[in-house]
Structures are given as C-alpha cells and as structure tokens.
C-alpha cells in the first residue's frame, strides 16, 4: 500500500465482492479502515470486549440492533460508534455500503464464530 496513495472510496467498493466480508483499505496507527457490503440478516449477535467499533454509512440503509435498546436505521452519511462490550448486530434489506474503523486486532464477529466470520488475514487480502 503506497502511503501517498489517494483513494476513491466509492470505487473501492467494486473490490468488495461478498456481503458480510470486510476488506482492509488502509491503516492509521493501530487501526484498520475497512469497507463492507451488507445485505440480508447474517451478522450474529456479538460484542467486541476490548475495543470500540465505528460504522459510517457510505450508501444505503443499515438496521442497527443493540441488545436491550431500541433498534434504529442508519442512512447514508450517518456515523455510529459501538462502545466496547456492547452486544449488537446489523442487517440491511437492500445492499448497504459501510466503512468500518477498528483496531487491527478486532475480531470480525467478536468471540462468536458463524458462517460469515472472516479472519483478520482474510480481511487484509
């Protein structure tokens, strides 16, 4: 990755071929910037015990559910930070493009393993 490379985020979504499969597009200190496409309801309830997670909606709408809280819809341009330890899941009726900002060690679906779970190595490729 060229450290002086300008990135067109919307064009980079063309490289994201699978739903629920984040792809690393850059890094800032000990944090990865990732892109993901969401469609359907495959993300399991999970939490990230030691780190916060940032969601930014680039395109579409995302249903955000937090345990014991009212669910809400995120729309294009919305940003939400999930505090560490908060159990959550997301889904989308139509294709939704999201940018995630997470520590490099953040496990895709926390300590929950499902058929969509991707390792950090898989997200880097």
C-alpha atoms as a PDB file:
ATOM      1  CA  UNK A   1       0.000   0.000   0.000  1.00  0.00           C
ATOM      2  CA  UNK A   2       1.524   3.320  -1.084  1.00  0.00           C
ATOM      3  CA  UNK A   3       1.484   5.742   1.855  1.00  0.00           C
ATOM      4  CA  UNK A   4       0.854   8.664  -0.510  1.00  0.00           C
ATOM      5  CA  UNK A   5      -1.952   6.967  -2.422  1.00  0.00           C
ATOM      6  CA  UNK A   6      -5.258   8.849  -2.666  1.00  0.00           C
ATOM      7  CA  UNK A   7      -8.248   6.504  -2.550  1.00  0.00           C
ATOM      8  CA  UNK A   8     -11.672   6.850  -4.154  1.00  0.00           C
ATOM      9  CA  UNK A   9     -13.764   5.040  -1.545  1.00  0.00           C
ATOM     10  CA  UNK A  10     -16.848   4.573  -3.720  1.00  0.00           C
ATOM     11  CA  UNK A  11     -14.756   2.953  -6.484  1.00  0.00           C
ATOM     12  CA  UNK A  12     -13.064   0.665  -3.954  1.00  0.00           C
ATOM     13  CA  UNK A  13     -16.448  -0.900  -3.175  1.00  0.00           C
ATOM     14  CA  UNK A  14     -16.111  -2.592  -6.592  1.00  0.00           C
ATOM     15  CA  UNK A  15     -13.398  -4.764  -4.995  1.00  0.00           C
ATOM     16  CA  UNK A  16     -15.799  -5.923  -2.255  1.00  0.00           C
ATOM     17  CA  UNK A  17     -17.338  -8.998  -3.881  1.00  0.00           C
ATOM     18  CA  UNK A  18     -19.054 -10.743  -0.945  1.00  0.00           C
ATOM     19  CA  UNK A  19     -21.609  -9.485   1.548  1.00  0.00           C
ATOM     20  CA  UNK A  20     -20.527  -9.507   5.211  1.00  0.00           C
ATOM     21  CA  UNK A  21     -16.847  -9.716   4.220  1.00  0.00           C
ATOM     22  CA  UNK A  22     -14.907  -6.598   5.303  1.00  0.00           C
ATOM     23  CA  UNK A  23     -11.849  -5.603   3.266  1.00  0.00           C
ATOM     24  CA  UNK A  24      -8.985  -3.536   4.660  1.00  0.00           C
ATOM     25  CA  UNK A  25      -8.322  -0.444   2.522  1.00  0.00           C
ATOM     26  CA  UNK A  26      -5.910   1.405   4.792  1.00  0.00           C
ATOM     27  CA  UNK A  27      -4.485   1.818   8.245  1.00  0.00           C
ATOM     28  CA  UNK A  28      -3.988   4.643  10.706  1.00  0.00           C
ATOM     29  CA  UNK A  29      -1.631   3.841  13.583  1.00  0.00           C
ATOM     30  CA  UNK A  30      -3.002   0.600  15.111  1.00  0.00           C
ATOM     31  CA  UNK A  31      -6.369   0.904  13.354  1.00  0.00           C
ATOM     32  CA  UNK A  32      -7.698  -0.542  10.100  1.00  0.00           C
ATOM     33  CA  UNK A  33     -10.085   1.261   7.763  1.00  0.00           C
ATOM     34  CA  UNK A  34     -12.369  -1.353   6.184  1.00  0.00           C
ATOM     35  CA  UNK A  35     -15.166  -1.465   3.628  1.00  0.00           C
ATOM     36  CA  UNK A  36     -18.044  -3.926   3.688  1.00  0.00           C
ATOM     37  CA  UNK A  37     -21.282  -4.552   1.847  1.00  0.00           C
ATOM     38  CA  UNK A  38     -24.260  -5.775   3.848  1.00  0.00           C
ATOM     39  CA  UNK A  39     -27.457  -7.319   2.513  1.00  0.00           C
ATOM     40  CA  UNK A  40     -29.660  -9.662   4.487  1.00  0.00           C
ATOM     41  CA  UNK A  41     -29.550 -10.799   8.108  1.00  0.00           C
ATOM     42  CA  UNK A  42     -26.444 -12.942   8.595  1.00  0.00           C
ATOM     43  CA  UNK A  43     -24.483 -10.978  11.201  1.00  0.00           C
ATOM     44  CA  UNK A  44     -24.848 -12.775  14.554  1.00  0.00           C
ATOM     45  CA  UNK A  45     -25.303 -11.012  17.871  1.00  0.00           C
ATOM     46  CA  UNK A  46     -21.769 -10.258  19.072  1.00  0.00           C
ATOM     47  CA  UNK A  47     -19.630  -7.824  21.062  1.00  0.00           C
ATOM     48  CA  UNK A  48     -16.052  -6.621  20.915  1.00  0.00           C
ATOM     49  CA  UNK A  49     -14.938  -6.811  24.525  1.00  0.00           C
ATOM     50  CA  UNK A  50     -11.808  -4.648  24.342  1.00  0.00           C
ATOM     51  CA  UNK A  51     -12.406  -2.114  21.584  1.00  0.00           C
ATOM     52  CA  UNK A  52     -14.922   0.317  20.137  1.00  0.00           C
ATOM     53  CA  UNK A  53     -16.097  -0.034  16.536  1.00  0.00           C
ATOM     54  CA  UNK A  54     -17.026   2.820  14.168  1.00  0.00           C
ATOM     55  CA  UNK A  55     -19.648   2.448  11.425  1.00  0.00           C
ATOM     56  CA  UNK A  56     -20.065   5.049   8.659  1.00  0.00           C
ATOM     57  CA  UNK A  57     -22.770   4.569   6.015  1.00  0.00           C
ATOM     58  CA  UNK A  58     -21.482   5.335   2.530  1.00  0.00           C
ATOM     59  CA  UNK A  59     -24.586   4.165   0.626  1.00  0.00           C
ATOM     60  CA  UNK A  60     -27.938   2.657   1.543  1.00  0.00           C
ATOM     61  CA  UNK A  61     -29.562   1.960   4.896  1.00  0.00           C
ATOM     62  CA  UNK A  62     -28.485  -0.268   7.777  1.00  0.00           C
ATOM     63  CA  UNK A  63     -30.680  -1.636  10.562  1.00  0.00           C
ATOM     64  CA  UNK A  64     -28.670  -1.428  13.768  1.00  0.00           C
ATOM     65  CA  UNK A  65     -29.715  -3.509  16.754  1.00  0.00           C
ATOM     66  CA  UNK A  66     -28.221  -3.197  20.221  1.00  0.00           C
ATOM     67  CA  UNK A  67     -29.123  -5.622  22.996  1.00  0.00           C
ATOM     68  CA  UNK A  68     -31.762  -4.184  25.368  1.00  0.00           C
ATOM     69  CA  UNK A  69     -32.049  -0.948  23.330  1.00  0.00           C
ATOM     70  CA  UNK A  70     -34.434   0.193  20.584  1.00  0.00           C
ATOM     71  CA  UNK A  71     -33.170  -0.619  17.088  1.00  0.00           C
ATOM     72  CA  UNK A  72     -32.549   2.221  14.636  1.00  0.00           C
ATOM     73  CA  UNK A  73     -31.897   2.823  10.947  1.00  0.00           C
ATOM     74  CA  UNK A  74     -28.636   4.369   9.798  1.00  0.00           C
ATOM     75  CA  UNK A  75     -28.702   6.202   6.463  1.00  0.00           C
ATOM     76  CA  UNK A  76     -26.080   7.493   4.039  1.00  0.00           C
ATOM     77  CA  UNK A  77     -23.737   9.875   5.868  1.00  0.00           C
ATOM     78  CA  UNK A  78     -24.609   8.552   9.354  1.00  0.00           C
ATOM     79  CA  UNK A  79     -21.848   7.566  11.751  1.00  0.00           C
ATOM     80  CA  UNK A  80     -22.201   5.472  14.910  1.00  0.00           C
ATOM     81  CA  UNK A  81     -19.612   4.235  17.385  1.00  0.00           C
ATOM     82  CA  UNK A  82     -20.383   0.989  19.192  1.00  0.00           C
ATOM     83  CA  UNK A  83     -18.737   1.119  22.626  1.00  0.00           C
ATOM     84  CA  UNK A  84     -16.635  -1.874  23.633  1.00  0.00           C
ATOM     85  CA  UNK A  85     -18.557  -4.692  25.250  1.00  0.00           C
ATOM     86  CA  UNK A  86     -21.928  -3.742  23.686  1.00  0.00           C
ATOM     87  CA  UNK A  87     -23.744  -6.664  22.049  1.00  0.00           C
ATOM     88  CA  UNK A  88     -25.013  -5.717  18.596  1.00  0.00           C
ATOM     89  CA  UNK A  89     -25.852  -6.895  15.098  1.00  0.00           C
ATOM     90  CA  UNK A  90     -26.631  -5.270  11.767  1.00  0.00           C
ATOM     91  CA  UNK A  91     -28.703  -6.114   8.697  1.00  0.00           C
ATOM     92  CA  UNK A  92     -29.956  -4.465   5.513  1.00  0.00           C
ATOM     93  CA  UNK A  93     -32.923  -5.167   3.281  1.00  0.00           C
ATOM     94  CA  UNK A  94     -31.155  -3.678   0.247  1.00  0.00           C
ATOM     95  CA  UNK A  95     -27.405  -3.514  -0.359  1.00  0.00           C
ATOM     96  CA  UNK A  96     -25.691  -1.157   2.086  1.00  0.00           C
ATOM     97  CA  UNK A  97     -22.078   0.058   1.873  1.00  0.00           C
ATOM     98  CA  UNK A  98     -20.316   0.713   5.157  1.00  0.00           C
ATOM     99  CA  UNK A  99     -16.912   1.909   6.246  1.00  0.00           C
ATOM    100  CA  UNK A 100     -15.613   0.436   9.489  1.00  0.00           C
ATOM    101  CA  UNK A 101     -12.802   1.724  11.646  1.00  0.00           C
ATOM    102  CA  UNK A 102     -11.486  -0.916  14.027  1.00  0.00           C
ATOM    103  CA  UNK A 103      -8.342  -1.855  15.907  1.00  0.00           C
ATOM    104  CA  UNK A 104      -6.147  -4.231  13.919  1.00  0.00           C
ATOM    105  CA  UNK A 105      -6.881  -6.989  16.451  1.00  0.00           C
ATOM    106  CA  UNK A 106     -10.683  -6.613  16.299  1.00  0.00           C
ATOM    107  CA  UNK A 107     -12.309  -9.958  15.527  1.00  0.00           C
ATOM    108  CA  UNK A 108     -14.925  -9.723  12.777  1.00  0.00           C
ATOM    109  CA  UNK A 109     -17.809 -11.119  14.833  1.00  0.00           C
ATOM    110  CA  UNK A 110     -16.254 -10.842  18.287  1.00  0.00           C
ATOM    111  CA  UNK A 111     -15.990 -14.196  20.043  1.00  0.00           C
ATOM    112  CA  UNK A 112     -18.939 -15.556  18.042  1.00  0.00           C
ATOM    113  CA  UNK A 113     -17.990 -17.714  15.067  1.00  0.00           C
ATOM    114  CA  UNK A 114     -20.526 -18.104  12.253  1.00  0.00           C
ATOM    115  CA  UNK A 115     -20.553 -18.919   8.544  1.00  0.00           C
ATOM    116  CA  UNK A 116     -19.757 -15.258   7.730  1.00  0.00           C
ATOM    117  CA  UNK A 117     -16.849 -14.829  10.161  1.00  0.00           C
ATOM    118  CA  UNK A 118     -13.652 -13.697   8.413  1.00  0.00           C
ATOM    119  CA  UNK A 119     -10.194 -13.807   9.944  1.00  0.00           C
ATOM    120  CA  UNK A 120      -8.060 -10.688  10.014  1.00  0.00           C
ATOM    121  CA  UNK A 121      -5.858 -12.259   7.281  1.00  0.00           C
ATOM    122  CA  UNK A 122      -8.931 -12.760   5.061  1.00  0.00           C
ATOM    123  CA  UNK A 123      -9.917  -9.111   5.564  1.00  0.00           C
ATOM    124  CA  UNK A 124      -6.412  -7.943   4.605  1.00  0.00           C
ATOM    125  CA  UNK A 125      -6.402  -9.743   1.246  1.00  0.00           C
END
